[in-house]
Amino acid sequence: MNLSLPFPASLRPGLAVALLLLLALAGLPPLAAGDDDWQELHERVSRGELVPMATVLDWLEARYAGQVLEVELEREDSRLVYEVEMLGPRGQRVEFAFDAASGELIGIEGVGIDDMRRRP
């Protein structure tokens, strides 16, 4: 899957740090409990078990206009889910949910989503 985001690639390292901070503050046991957990997540991405966040952000950038407000990694039922909250061009807030293992878009919530879609 080819995934993207509405800001330059130079900002993505900062987004990764923000994601790590959000996870640490969210206290997602056992995923965000300590350094070993971060290492485990990194290894899972390296082994191809989890899609890199950059892939998800690339996918979004290609398809939706807006600014990323927040990125979270949540455990929902038995799977990990990337949640990305975006602010659209008309001030609308939309949350996208992606299966972290496959990169599949599994949900969109918000108002004015069609206004955010990029047209070919």
PDB file of N, CA and C in Angstrom:
ATOM      1  N   MET A   1       0.844  -1.174   0.000  1.00  0.00           N
ATOM      2  CA  MET A   1       0.000   0.000   0.000  1.00  0.00           C
ATOM      3  C   MET A   1       0.891   1.238   0.000  1.00  0.00           C
ATOM      4  N   ASN A   2       0.525   2.231  -0.776  1.00  0.00           N
ATOM      5  CA  ASN A   2       1.293   3.476  -0.816  1.00  0.00           C
ATOM      6  C   ASN A   2       0.516   4.551  -0.073  1.00  0.00           C
ATOM      7  N   LEU A   3       0.948   4.895   1.148  1.00  0.00           N
ATOM      8  CA  LEU A   3       0.253   5.860   1.998  1.00  0.00           C
ATOM      9  C   LEU A   3       1.043   7.209   2.121  1.00  0.00           C
ATOM     10  N   SER A   4       0.439   8.831   2.576  1.00  0.00           N
ATOM     11  CA  SER A   4       1.153  10.174   2.651  1.00  0.00           C
ATOM     12  C   SER A   4       0.482  11.336   3.398  1.00  0.00           C
ATOM     13  N   LEU A   5       1.193  12.550   3.762  1.00  0.00           N
ATOM     14  CA  LEU A   5       0.654  13.674   4.569  1.00  0.00           C
ATOM     15  C   LEU A   5       0.889  15.091   4.046  1.00  0.00           C
ATOM     16  N   PRO A   6       0.017  16.046   4.444  1.00  0.00           N
ATOM     17  CA  PRO A   6       0.074  17.391   3.886  1.00  0.00           C
ATOM     18  C   PRO A   6       1.133  18.305   4.481  1.00  0.00           C
ATOM     19  N   PHE A   7       2.303  17.806   4.735  1.00  0.00           N
ATOM     20  CA  PHE A   7       3.413  18.657   5.124  1.00  0.00           C
ATOM     21  C   PHE A   7       4.696  18.023   4.645  1.00  0.00           C
ATOM     22  N   PRO A   8       5.750  18.819   4.538  1.00  0.00           N
ATOM     23  CA  PRO A   8       7.000  18.326   3.955  1.00  0.00           C
ATOM     24  C   PRO A   8       7.592  17.146   4.714  1.00  0.00           C
ATOM     25  N   ALA A   9       8.320  16.328   3.984  1.00  0.00           N
ATOM     26  CA  ALA A   9       8.980  15.169   4.597  1.00  0.00           C
ATOM     27  C   ALA A   9       9.925  15.605   5.697  1.00  0.00           C
ATOM     28  N   SER A  10      10.443  16.825   5.633  1.00  0.00           N
ATOM     29  CA  SER A  10      11.365  17.312   6.658  1.00  0.00           C
ATOM     30  C   SER A  10      10.697  17.428   8.020  1.00  0.00           C
ATOM     31  N   LEU A  11       9.370  17.507   8.058  1.00  0.00           N
ATOM     32  CA  LEU A  11       8.658  17.589   9.329  1.00  0.00           C
ATOM     33  C   LEU A  11       8.330  16.223   9.912  1.00  0.00           C
ATOM     34  N   ARG A  12       8.468  15.168   9.121  1.00  0.00           N
ATOM     35  CA  ARG A  12       8.077  13.838   9.594  1.00  0.00           C
ATOM     36  C   ARG A  12       8.884  13.345  10.788  1.00  0.00           C
ATOM     37  N   PRO A  13      10.199  13.621  10.889  1.00  0.00           N
ATOM     38  CA  PRO A  13      10.908  13.193  12.104  1.00  0.00           C
ATOM     39  C   PRO A  13      10.299  13.810  13.359  1.00  0.00           C
ATOM     40  N   GLY A  14       9.882  15.065  13.279  1.00  0.00           N
ATOM     41  CA  GLY A  14       9.223  15.708  14.415  1.00  0.00           C
ATOM     42  C   GLY A  14       7.906  15.038  14.740  1.00  0.00           C
ATOM     43  N   LEU A  15       7.197  14.603  13.707  1.00  0.00           N
ATOM     44  CA  LEU A  15       5.944  13.901  13.924  1.00  0.00           C
ATOM     45  C   LEU A  15       6.192  12.569  14.613  1.00  0.00           C
ATOM     46  N   ALA A  16       7.269  11.899  14.241  1.00  0.00           N
ATOM     47  CA  ALA A  16       7.607  10.629  14.890  1.00  0.00           C
ATOM     48  C   ALA A  16       7.876  10.848  16.371  1.00  0.00           C
ATOM     49  N   VAL A  17       8.597  11.918  16.704  1.00  0.00           N
ATOM     50  CA  VAL A  17       8.859  12.234  18.113  1.00  0.00           C
ATOM     51  C   VAL A  17       7.547  12.533  18.825  1.00  0.00           C
ATOM     52  N   ALA A  18       6.658  13.287  18.163  1.00  0.00           N
ATOM     53  CA  ALA A  18       5.363  13.598  18.758  1.00  0.00           C
ATOM     54  C   ALA A  18       4.556  12.326  18.995  1.00  0.00           C
ATOM     55  N   LEU A  19       4.613  11.395  18.053  1.00  0.00           N
ATOM     56  CA  LEU A  19       3.911  10.123  18.213  1.00  0.00           C
ATOM     57  C   LEU A  19       4.445   9.372  19.421  1.00  0.00           C
ATOM     58  N   LEU A  20       5.756   9.315  19.551  1.00  0.00           N
ATOM     59  CA  LEU A  20       6.348   8.628  20.698  1.00  0.00           C
ATOM     60  C   LEU A  20       5.926   9.289  22.001  1.00  0.00           C
ATOM     61  N   LEU A  21       5.912  10.610  22.031  1.00  0.00           N
ATOM     62  CA  LEU A  21       5.495  11.332  23.224  1.00  0.00           C
ATOM     63  C   LEU A  21       4.035  11.048  23.541  1.00  0.00           C
ATOM     64  N   LEU A  22       3.178  11.074  22.515  1.00  0.00           N
ATOM     65  CA  LEU A  22       1.766  10.776  22.733  1.00  0.00           C
ATOM     66  C   LEU A  22       1.570   9.376  23.302  1.00  0.00           C
ATOM     67  N   LEU A  23       2.304   8.431  22.767  1.00  0.00           N
ATOM     68  CA  LEU A  23       2.187   7.061  23.260  1.00  0.00           C
ATOM     69  C   LEU A  23       2.657   6.957  24.698  1.00  0.00           C
ATOM     70  N   ALA A  24       3.745   7.630  25.018  1.00  0.00           N
ATOM     71  CA  ALA A  24       4.271   7.593  26.382  1.00  0.00           C
ATOM     72  C   ALA A  24       3.269   8.214  27.349  1.00  0.00           C
ATOM     73  N   LEU A  25       2.679   9.334  26.955  1.00  0.00           N
ATOM     74  CA  LEU A  25       1.719  10.008  27.819  1.00  0.00           C
ATOM     75  C   LEU A  25       0.416   9.229  27.933  1.00  0.00           C
ATOM     76  N   ALA A  26       0.061   8.514  26.896  1.00  0.00           N
ATOM     77  CA  ALA A  26      -1.186   7.756  26.910  1.00  0.00           C
ATOM     78  C   ALA A  26      -1.104   6.542  27.820  1.00  0.00           C
ATOM     79  N   GLY A  27       0.101   6.095  28.138  1.00  0.00           N
ATOM     80  CA  GLY A  27       0.266   4.947  29.019  1.00  0.00           C
ATOM     81  C   GLY A  27      -0.400   3.706  28.471  1.00  0.00           C
ATOM     82  N   LEU A  28      -0.026   3.303  27.291  1.00  0.00           N
ATOM     83  CA  LEU A  28      -0.636   2.149  26.655  1.00  0.00           C
ATOM     84  C   LEU A  28       0.087   0.870  27.045  1.00  0.00           C
ATOM     85  N   PRO A  29      -0.215   0.313  28.174  1.00  0.00           N
ATOM     86  CA  PRO A  29       0.485  -0.913  28.540  1.00  0.00           C
ATOM     87  C   PRO A  29       0.069  -2.037  27.614  1.00  0.00           C
ATOM     88  N   PRO A  30       0.918  -2.969  27.248  1.00  0.00           N
ATOM     89  CA  PRO A  30       2.347  -2.927  27.536  1.00  0.00           C
ATOM     90  C   PRO A  30       3.137  -2.181  26.477  1.00  0.00           C
ATOM     91  N   LEU A  31       2.499  -1.632  25.456  1.00  0.00           N
ATOM     92  CA  LEU A  31       3.222  -1.055  24.329  1.00  0.00           C
ATOM     93  C   LEU A  31       4.067   0.154  24.680  1.00  0.00           C
ATOM     94  N   ALA A  32       3.595   1.027  25.540  1.00  0.00           N
ATOM     95  CA  ALA A  32       4.318   2.262  25.817  1.00  0.00           C
ATOM     96  C   ALA A  32       4.876   2.283  27.232  1.00  0.00           C
ATOM     97  N   ALA A  33       5.091   1.139  27.805  1.00  0.00           N
ATOM     98  CA  ALA A  33       5.519   1.076  29.196  1.00  0.00           C
ATOM     99  C   ALA A  33       6.989   1.400  29.383  1.00  0.00           C
ATOM    100  N   GLY A  34       7.848   1.114  28.425  1.00  0.00           N
ATOM    101  CA  GLY A  34       9.265   1.378  28.624  1.00  0.00           C
ATOM    102  C   GLY A  34      10.055   1.284  27.343  1.00  0.00           C
ATOM    103  N   ASP A  35      11.385   1.441  27.489  1.00  0.00           N
ATOM    104  CA  ASP A  35      12.276   1.405  26.331  1.00  0.00           C
ATOM    105  C   ASP A  35      12.181   0.091  25.563  1.00  0.00           C
ATOM    106  N   ASP A  36      12.024  -1.014  26.273  1.00  0.00           N
ATOM    107  CA  ASP A  36      11.916  -2.313  25.607  1.00  0.00           C
ATOM    108  C   ASP A  36      10.703  -2.359  24.682  1.00  0.00           C
ATOM    109  N   ASP A  37       9.625  -1.695  25.105  1.00  0.00           N
ATOM    110  CA  ASP A  37       8.414  -1.683  24.293  1.00  0.00           C
ATOM    111  C   ASP A  37       8.621  -0.897  23.003  1.00  0.00           C
ATOM    112  N   TRP A  38       9.361   0.222  23.081  1.00  0.00           N
ATOM    113  CA  TRP A  38       9.658   0.997  21.880  1.00  0.00           C
ATOM    114  C   TRP A  38      10.534   0.183  20.946  1.00  0.00           C
ATOM    115  N   GLN A  39      11.473  -0.536  21.524  1.00  0.00           N
ATOM    116  CA  GLN A  39      12.339  -1.391  20.712  1.00  0.00           C
ATOM    117  C   GLN A  39      11.505  -2.466  20.013  1.00  0.00           C
ATOM    118  N   GLU A  40      10.575  -3.037  20.743  1.00  0.00           N
ATOM    119  CA  GLU A  40       9.692  -4.068  20.177  1.00  0.00           C
ATOM    120  C   GLU A  40       8.882  -3.507  19.001  1.00  0.00           C
ATOM    121  N   LEU A  41       8.319  -2.306  19.163  1.00  0.00           N
ATOM    122  CA  LEU A  41       7.563  -1.693  18.067  1.00  0.00           C
ATOM    123  C   LEU A  41       8.455  -1.451  16.859  1.00  0.00           C
ATOM    124  N   HIS A  42       9.648  -0.935  17.095  1.00  0.00           N
ATOM    125  CA  HIS A  42      10.594  -0.683  16.005  1.00  0.00           C
ATOM    126  C   HIS A  42      10.933  -1.992  15.281  1.00  0.00           C
ATOM    127  N   GLU A  43      11.187  -3.036  16.049  1.00  0.00           N
ATOM    128  CA  GLU A  43      11.511  -4.337  15.449  1.00  0.00           C
ATOM    129  C   GLU A  43      10.336  -4.880  14.638  1.00  0.00           C
ATOM    130  N   ARG A  44       9.120  -4.682  15.136  1.00  0.00           N
ATOM    131  CA  ARG A  44       7.945  -5.165  14.404  1.00  0.00           C
ATOM    132  C   ARG A  44       7.789  -4.430  13.075  1.00  0.00           C
ATOM    133  N   VAL A  45       8.097  -3.131  13.065  1.00  0.00           N
ATOM    134  CA  VAL A  45       8.070  -2.380  11.805  1.00  0.00           C
ATOM    135  C   VAL A  45       9.168  -2.900  10.883  1.00  0.00           C
ATOM    136  N   SER A  46      10.369  -3.115  11.433  1.00  0.00           N
ATOM    137  CA  SER A  46      11.500  -3.608  10.631  1.00  0.00           C
ATOM    138  C   SER A  46      11.218  -4.976  10.021  1.00  0.00           C
ATOM    139  N   ARG A  47      10.505  -5.820  10.761  1.00  0.00           N
ATOM    140  CA  ARG A  47      10.174  -7.160  10.261  1.00  0.00           C
ATOM    141  C   ARG A  47       8.977  -7.144   9.315  1.00  0.00           C
ATOM    142  N   GLY A  48       8.351  -5.994   9.150  1.00  0.00           N
ATOM    143  CA  GLY A  48       7.193  -5.900   8.267  1.00  0.00           C
ATOM    144  C   GLY A  48       5.890  -6.306   8.923  1.00  0.00           C
ATOM    145  N   GLU A  49       5.896  -6.466  10.242  1.00  0.00           N
ATOM    146  CA  GLU A  49       4.674  -6.835  10.958  1.00  0.00           C
ATOM    147  C   GLU A  49       3.750  -5.639  11.153  1.00  0.00           C
ATOM    148  N   LEU A  50       4.335  -4.445  11.194  1.00  0.00           N
ATOM    149  CA  LEU A  50       3.570  -3.204  11.303  1.00  0.00           C
ATOM    150  C   LEU A  50       3.985  -2.273  10.173  1.00  0.00           C
ATOM    151  N   VAL A  51       3.029  -1.539   9.645  1.00  0.00           N
ATOM    152  CA  VAL A  51       3.288  -0.559   8.591  1.00  0.00           C
ATOM    153  C   VAL A  51       3.928   0.671   9.240  1.00  0.00           C
ATOM    154  N   PRO A  52       4.973   1.229   8.641  1.00  0.00           N
ATOM    155  CA  PRO A  52       5.558   2.457   9.193  1.00  0.00           C
ATOM    156  C   PRO A  52       4.546   3.608   9.160  1.00  0.00           C
ATOM    157  N   MET A  53       4.582   4.450  10.190  1.00  0.00           N
ATOM    158  CA  MET A  53       3.679   5.598  10.240  1.00  0.00           C
ATOM    159  C   MET A  53       3.848   6.481   9.002  1.00  0.00           C
ATOM    160  N   ALA A  54       5.068   6.630   8.507  1.00  0.00           N
ATOM    161  CA  ALA A  54       5.305   7.459   7.316  1.00  0.00           C
ATOM    162  C   ALA A  54       4.493   6.960   6.124  1.00  0.00           C
ATOM    163  N   THR A  55       4.291   5.668   6.026  1.00  0.00           N
ATOM    164  CA  THR A  55       3.504   5.092   4.934  1.00  0.00           C
ATOM    165  C   THR A  55       2.051   5.541   5.038  1.00  0.00           C
ATOM    166  N   VAL A  56       1.523   5.523   6.252  1.00  0.00           N
ATOM    167  CA  VAL A  56       0.145   5.973   6.488  1.00  0.00           C
ATOM    168  C   VAL A  56       0.020   7.459   6.147  1.00  0.00           C
ATOM    169  N   LEU A  57       0.984   8.254   6.598  1.00  0.00           N
ATOM    170  CA  LEU A  57       0.936   9.695   6.360  1.00  0.00           C
ATOM    171  C   LEU A  57       1.079  10.031   4.874  1.00  0.00           C
ATOM    172  N   ASP A  58       1.917   9.289   4.163  1.00  0.00           N
ATOM    173  CA  ASP A  58       2.052   9.488   2.715  1.00  0.00           C
ATOM    174  C   ASP A  58       0.727   9.203   2.003  1.00  0.00           C
ATOM    175  N   TRP A  59       0.053   8.144   2.416  1.00  0.00           N
ATOM    176  CA  TRP A  59      -1.231   7.778   1.826  1.00  0.00           C
ATOM    177  C   TRP A  59      -2.255   8.895   2.048  1.00  0.00           C
ATOM    178  N   LEU A  60      -2.314   9.413   3.280  1.00  0.00           N
ATOM    179  CA  LEU A  60      -3.253  10.497   3.580  1.00  0.00           C
ATOM    180  C   LEU A  60      -2.945  11.747   2.762  1.00  0.00           C
ATOM    181  N   GLU A  61      -1.672  12.103   2.663  1.00  0.00           N
ATOM    182  CA  GLU A  61      -1.273  13.302   1.921  1.00  0.00           C
ATOM    183  C   GLU A  61      -1.702  13.225   0.462  1.00  0.00           C
ATOM    184  N   ALA A  62      -1.620  12.046  -0.118  1.00  0.00           N
ATOM    185  CA  ALA A  62      -1.985  11.870  -1.522  1.00  0.00           C
ATOM    186  C   ALA A  62      -3.490  11.987  -1.749  1.00  0.00           C
ATOM    187  N   ARG A  63      -4.288  11.750  -0.730  1.00  0.00           N
ATOM    188  CA  ARG A  63      -5.736  11.655  -0.913  1.00  0.00           C
ATOM    189  C   ARG A  63      -6.565  12.723  -0.209  1.00  0.00           C
ATOM    190  N   TYR A  64      -6.007  13.360   0.837  1.00  0.00           N
ATOM    191  CA  TYR A  64      -6.779  14.317   1.631  1.00  0.00           C
ATOM    192  C   TYR A  64      -5.970  15.579   1.901  1.00  0.00           C
ATOM    193  N   ALA A  65      -6.641  16.736   1.812  1.00  0.00           N
ATOM    194  CA  ALA A  65      -6.012  18.016   2.142  1.00  0.00           C
ATOM    195  C   ALA A  65      -6.276  18.306   3.612  1.00  0.00           C
ATOM    196  N   GLY A  66      -5.276  18.803   4.296  1.00  0.00           N
ATOM    197  CA  GLY A  66      -5.451  19.151   5.697  1.00  0.00           C
ATOM    198  C   GLY A  66      -4.141  19.095   6.447  1.00  0.00           C
ATOM    199  N   GLN A  67      -4.234  19.411   7.725  1.00  0.00           N
ATOM    200  CA  GLN A  67      -3.067  19.432   8.600  1.00  0.00           C
ATOM    201  C   GLN A  67      -3.257  18.388   9.697  1.00  0.00           C
ATOM    202  N   VAL A  68      -2.230  17.605   9.953  1.00  0.00           N
ATOM    203  CA  VAL A  68      -2.294  16.606  11.016  1.00  0.00           C
ATOM    204  C   VAL A  68      -2.241  17.306  12.364  1.00  0.00           C
ATOM    205  N   LEU A  69      -3.200  16.990  13.219  1.00  0.00           N
ATOM    206  CA  LEU A  69      -3.243  17.550  14.563  1.00  0.00           C
ATOM    207  C   LEU A  69      -2.692  16.584  15.596  1.00  0.00           C
ATOM    208  N   GLU A  70      -2.974  15.293  15.387  1.00  0.00           N
ATOM    209  CA  GLU A  70      -2.607  14.308  16.403  1.00  0.00           C
ATOM    210  C   GLU A  70      -2.481  12.935  15.753  1.00  0.00           C
ATOM    211  N   VAL A  71      -1.532  12.166  16.253  1.00  0.00           N
ATOM    212  CA  VAL A  71      -1.339  10.792  15.803  1.00  0.00           C
ATOM    213  C   VAL A  71      -1.227   9.923  17.045  1.00  0.00           C
ATOM    214  N   GLU A  72      -1.955   8.820  17.062  1.00  0.00           N
ATOM    215  CA  GLU A  72      -1.906   7.897  18.196  1.00  0.00           C
ATOM    216  C   GLU A  72      -1.808   6.466  17.690  1.00  0.00           C
ATOM    217  N   LEU A  73      -1.233   5.626  18.518  1.00  0.00           N
ATOM    218  CA  LEU A  73      -1.257   4.186  18.279  1.00  0.00           C
ATOM    219  C   LEU A  73      -2.072   3.592  19.410  1.00  0.00           C
ATOM    220  N   GLU A  74      -3.193   2.996  19.070  1.00  0.00           N
ATOM    221  CA  GLU A  74      -4.121   2.452  20.062  1.00  0.00           C
ATOM    222  C   GLU A  74      -4.247   0.950  19.883  1.00  0.00           C
ATOM    223  N   ARG A  75      -4.551   0.274  20.970  1.00  0.00           N
ATOM    224  CA  ARG A  75      -4.898  -1.142  20.899  1.00  0.00           C
ATOM    225  C   ARG A  75      -6.424  -1.210  20.931  1.00  0.00           C
ATOM    226  N   GLU A  76      -7.005  -1.739  19.863  1.00  0.00           N
ATOM    227  CA  GLU A  76      -8.453  -1.912  19.776  1.00  0.00           C
ATOM    228  C   GLU A  76      -8.728  -3.382  19.538  1.00  0.00           C
ATOM    229  N   ASP A  77      -9.451  -3.964  20.469  1.00  0.00           N
ATOM    230  CA  ASP A  77      -9.693  -5.401  20.451  1.00  0.00           C
ATOM    231  C   ASP A  77      -8.339  -6.108  20.404  1.00  0.00           C
ATOM    232  N   SER A  78      -8.086  -6.885  19.382  1.00  0.00           N
ATOM    233  CA  SER A  78      -6.825  -7.640  19.326  1.00  0.00           C
ATOM    234  C   SER A  78      -5.834  -7.040  18.336  1.00  0.00           C
ATOM    235  N   ARG A  79      -6.084  -5.813  17.860  1.00  0.00           N
ATOM    236  CA  ARG A  79      -5.169  -5.244  16.870  1.00  0.00           C
ATOM    237  C   ARG A  79      -4.725  -3.841  17.272  1.00  0.00           C
ATOM    238  N   LEU A  80      -3.620  -3.439  16.656  1.00  0.00           N
ATOM    239  CA  LEU A  80      -3.102  -2.090  16.845  1.00  0.00           C
ATOM    240  C   LEU A  80      -3.647  -1.202  15.735  1.00  0.00           C
ATOM    241  N   VAL A  81      -4.027   0.018  16.105  1.00  0.00           N
ATOM    242  CA  VAL A  81      -4.648   0.944  15.165  1.00  0.00           C
ATOM    243  C   VAL A  81      -3.945   2.295  15.249  1.00  0.00           C
ATOM    244  N   TYR A  82      -3.531   2.810  14.087  1.00  0.00           N
ATOM    245  CA  TYR A  82      -3.046   4.189  14.007  1.00  0.00           C
ATOM    246  C   TYR A  82      -4.277   5.078  13.874  1.00  0.00           C
ATOM    247  N   GLU A  83      -4.386   6.082  14.739  1.00  0.00           N
ATOM    248  CA  GLU A  83      -5.446   7.072  14.629  1.00  0.00           C
ATOM    249  C   GLU A  83      -4.801   8.405  14.284  1.00  0.00           C
ATOM    250  N   VAL A  84      -5.261   9.017  13.202  1.00  0.00           N
ATOM    251  CA  VAL A  84      -4.701  10.285  12.741  1.00  0.00           C
ATOM    252  C   VAL A  84      -5.834  11.302  12.687  1.00  0.00           C
ATOM    253  N   GLU A  85      -5.711  12.359  13.488  1.00  0.00           N
ATOM    254  CA  GLU A  85      -6.705  13.431  13.470  1.00  0.00           C
ATOM    255  C   GLU A  85      -6.176  14.559  12.593  1.00  0.00           C
ATOM    256  N   MET A  86      -7.016  14.990  11.651  1.00  0.00           N
ATOM    257  CA  MET A  86      -6.622  16.058  10.725  1.00  0.00           C
ATOM    258  C   MET A  86      -7.595  17.226  10.809  1.00  0.00           C
ATOM    259  N   LEU A  87      -7.071  18.417  10.539  1.00  0.00           N
ATOM    260  CA  LEU A  87      -7.864  19.628  10.420  1.00  0.00           C
ATOM    261  C   LEU A  87      -7.978  19.946   8.939  1.00  0.00           C
ATOM    262  N   GLY A  88      -9.203  19.978   8.438  1.00  0.00           N
ATOM    263  CA  GLY A  88      -9.426  20.216   7.016  1.00  0.00           C
ATOM    264  C   GLY A  88      -9.345  21.683   6.647  1.00  0.00           C
ATOM    265  N   PRO A  89      -9.387  21.989   5.352  1.00  0.00           N
ATOM    266  CA  PRO A  89      -9.244  23.355   4.867  1.00  0.00           C
ATOM    267  C   PRO A  89     -10.356  24.297   5.322  1.00  0.00           C
ATOM    268  N   ARG A  90     -11.481  23.761   5.723  1.00  0.00           N
ATOM    269  CA  ARG A  90     -12.596  24.588   6.205  1.00  0.00           C
ATOM    270  C   ARG A  90     -12.751  24.504   7.719  1.00  0.00           C
ATOM    271  N   GLY A  91     -11.709  24.002   8.380  1.00  0.00           N
ATOM    272  CA  GLY A  91     -11.728  23.924   9.838  1.00  0.00           C
ATOM    273  C   GLY A  91     -12.368  22.664  10.397  1.00  0.00           C
ATOM    274  N   GLN A  92     -12.749  21.738   9.527  1.00  0.00           N
ATOM    275  CA  GLN A  92     -13.364  20.504  10.002  1.00  0.00           C
ATOM    276  C   GLN A  92     -12.307  19.570  10.596  1.00  0.00           C
ATOM    277  N   ARG A  93     -12.703  18.824  11.615  1.00  0.00           N
ATOM    278  CA  ARG A  93     -11.816  17.830  12.230  1.00  0.00           C
ATOM    279  C   ARG A  93     -12.283  16.447  11.794  1.00  0.00           C
ATOM    280  N   VAL A  94     -11.328  15.670  11.296  1.00  0.00           N
ATOM    281  CA  VAL A  94     -11.640  14.324  10.821  1.00  0.00           C
ATOM    282  C   VAL A  94     -10.608  13.368  11.393  1.00  0.00           C
ATOM    283  N   GLU A  95     -11.067  12.215  11.861  1.00  0.00           N
ATOM    284  CA  GLU A  95     -10.159  11.195  12.380  1.00  0.00           C
ATOM    285  C   GLU A  95     -10.177   9.989  11.454  1.00  0.00           C
ATOM    286  N   PHE A  96      -8.977   9.575  11.063  1.00  0.00           N
ATOM    287  CA  PHE A  96      -8.791   8.406  10.214  1.00  0.00           C
ATOM    288  C   PHE A  96      -8.211   7.297  11.077  1.00  0.00           C
ATOM    289  N   ALA A  97      -8.683   6.074  10.891  1.00  0.00           N
ATOM    290  CA  ALA A  97      -8.155   4.921  11.615  1.00  0.00           C
ATOM    291  C   ALA A  97      -7.608   3.915  10.607  1.00  0.00           C
ATOM    292  N   PHE A  98      -6.384   3.441  10.875  1.00  0.00           N
ATOM    293  CA  PHE A  98      -5.706   2.483  10.000  1.00  0.00           C
ATOM    294  C   PHE A  98      -5.271   1.276  10.813  1.00  0.00           C
ATOM    295  N   ASP A  99      -5.470   0.089  10.255  1.00  0.00           N
ATOM    296  CA  ASP A  99      -4.920  -1.115  10.866  1.00  0.00           C
ATOM    297  C   ASP A  99      -3.399  -1.007  10.772  1.00  0.00           C
ATOM    298  N   ALA A 100      -2.719  -1.047  11.911  1.00  0.00           N
ATOM    299  CA  ALA A 100      -1.262  -0.853  11.925  1.00  0.00           C
ATOM    300  C   ALA A 100      -0.519  -2.014  11.273  1.00  0.00           C
ATOM    301  N   ALA A 101      -1.122  -3.192  11.226  1.00  0.00           N
ATOM    302  CA  ALA A 101      -0.450  -4.348  10.627  1.00  0.00           C
ATOM    303  C   ALA A 101      -0.532  -4.331   9.101  1.00  0.00           C
ATOM    304  N   SER A 102      -1.670  -3.910   8.564  1.00  0.00           N
ATOM    305  CA  SER A 102      -1.865  -3.964   7.110  1.00  0.00           C
ATOM    306  C   SER A 102      -1.804  -2.597   6.430  1.00  0.00           C
ATOM    307  N   GLY A 103      -2.017  -1.528   7.192  1.00  0.00           N
ATOM    308  CA  GLY A 103      -2.097  -0.196   6.612  1.00  0.00           C
ATOM    309  C   GLY A 103      -3.472   0.116   6.045  1.00  0.00           C
ATOM    310  N   GLU A 104      -4.402  -0.819   6.167  1.00  0.00           N
ATOM    311  CA  GLU A 104      -5.749  -0.643   5.629  1.00  0.00           C
ATOM    312  C   GLU A 104      -6.497   0.450   6.389  1.00  0.00           C
ATOM    313  N   LEU A 105      -7.162   1.338   5.641  1.00  0.00           N
ATOM    314  CA  LEU A 105      -8.039   2.336   6.235  1.00  0.00           C
ATOM    315  C   LEU A 105      -9.268   1.601   6.755  1.00  0.00           C
ATOM    316  N   ILE A 106      -9.513   1.686   8.065  1.00  0.00           N
ATOM    317  CA  ILE A 106     -10.626   0.935   8.654  1.00  0.00           C
ATOM    318  C   ILE A 106     -11.735   1.836   9.177  1.00  0.00           C
ATOM    319  N   GLY A 107     -11.516   3.147   9.143  1.00  0.00           N
ATOM    320  CA  GLY A 107     -12.574   4.040   9.591  1.00  0.00           C
ATOM    321  C   GLY A 107     -12.239   5.499   9.370  1.00  0.00           C
ATOM    322  N   ILE A 108     -13.294   6.281   9.134  1.00  0.00           N
ATOM    323  CA  ILE A 108     -13.186   7.737   9.029  1.00  0.00           C
ATOM    324  C   ILE A 108     -14.371   8.311   9.792  1.00  0.00           C
ATOM    325  N   GLU A 109     -14.088   9.265  10.688  1.00  0.00           N
ATOM    326  CA  GLU A 109     -15.151   9.937  11.427  1.00  0.00           C
ATOM    327  C   GLU A 109     -14.962  11.436  11.298  1.00  0.00           C
ATOM    328  N   GLY A 110     -16.060  12.149  11.107  1.00  0.00           N
ATOM    329  CA  GLY A 110     -15.993  13.598  11.050  1.00  0.00           C
ATOM    330  C   GLY A 110     -17.006  14.160  10.071  1.00  0.00           C
ATOM    331  N   VAL A 111     -17.022  15.480   9.998  1.00  0.00           N
ATOM    332  CA  VAL A 111     -17.951  16.197   9.133  1.00  0.00           C
ATOM    333  C   VAL A 111     -17.156  16.885   8.032  1.00  0.00           C
ATOM    334  N   GLY A 112     -17.682  16.914   6.836  1.00  0.00           N
ATOM    335  CA  GLY A 112     -17.027  17.604   5.726  1.00  0.00           C
ATOM    336  C   GLY A 112     -15.859  16.841   5.136  1.00  0.00           C
ATOM    337  N   ILE A 113     -15.904  15.527   5.238  1.00  0.00           N
ATOM    338  CA  ILE A 113     -14.810  14.692   4.737  1.00  0.00           C
ATOM    339  C   ILE A 113     -14.634  14.871   3.230  1.00  0.00           C
ATOM    340  N   ASP A 114     -15.730  14.956   2.495  1.00  0.00           N
ATOM    341  CA  ASP A 114     -15.634  15.104   1.034  1.00  0.00           C
ATOM    342  C   ASP A 114     -14.897  16.377   0.634  1.00  0.00           C
ATOM    343  N   ASP A 115     -15.011  17.434   1.447  1.00  0.00           N
ATOM    344  CA  ASP A 115     -14.301  18.686   1.158  1.00  0.00           C
ATOM    345  C   ASP A 115     -12.790  18.527   1.279  1.00  0.00           C
ATOM    346  N   MET A 116     -12.344  17.501   1.975  1.00  0.00           N
ATOM    347  CA  MET A 116     -10.911  17.274   2.182  1.00  0.00           C
ATOM    348  C   MET A 116     -10.298  16.396   1.097  1.00  0.00           C
ATOM    349  N   ARG A 117     -11.134  15.685   0.352  1.00  0.00           N
ATOM    350  CA  ARG A 117     -10.611  14.765  -0.663  1.00  0.00           C
ATOM    351  C   ARG A 117      -9.910  15.533  -1.771  1.00  0.00           C
ATOM    352  N   ARG A 118      -8.732  15.052  -2.119  1.00  0.00           N
ATOM    353  CA  ARG A 118      -8.001  15.649  -3.241  1.00  0.00           C
ATOM    354  C   ARG A 118      -8.602  15.107  -4.533  1.00  0.00           C
ATOM    355  N   ARG A 119      -8.805  15.980  -5.487  1.00  0.00           N
ATOM    356  CA  ARG A 119      -9.362  15.594  -6.784  1.00  0.00           C
ATOM    357  C   ARG A 119      -8.230  15.391  -7.777  1.00  0.00           C
ATOM    358  N   PRO A 120      -8.324  14.345  -8.625  1.00  0.00           N
ATOM    359  CA  PRO A 120      -7.268  14.118  -9.631  1.00  0.00           C
ATOM    360  C   PRO A 120      -7.219  15.216 -10.664  1.00  0.00           C
TER     361      PRO A 120
END
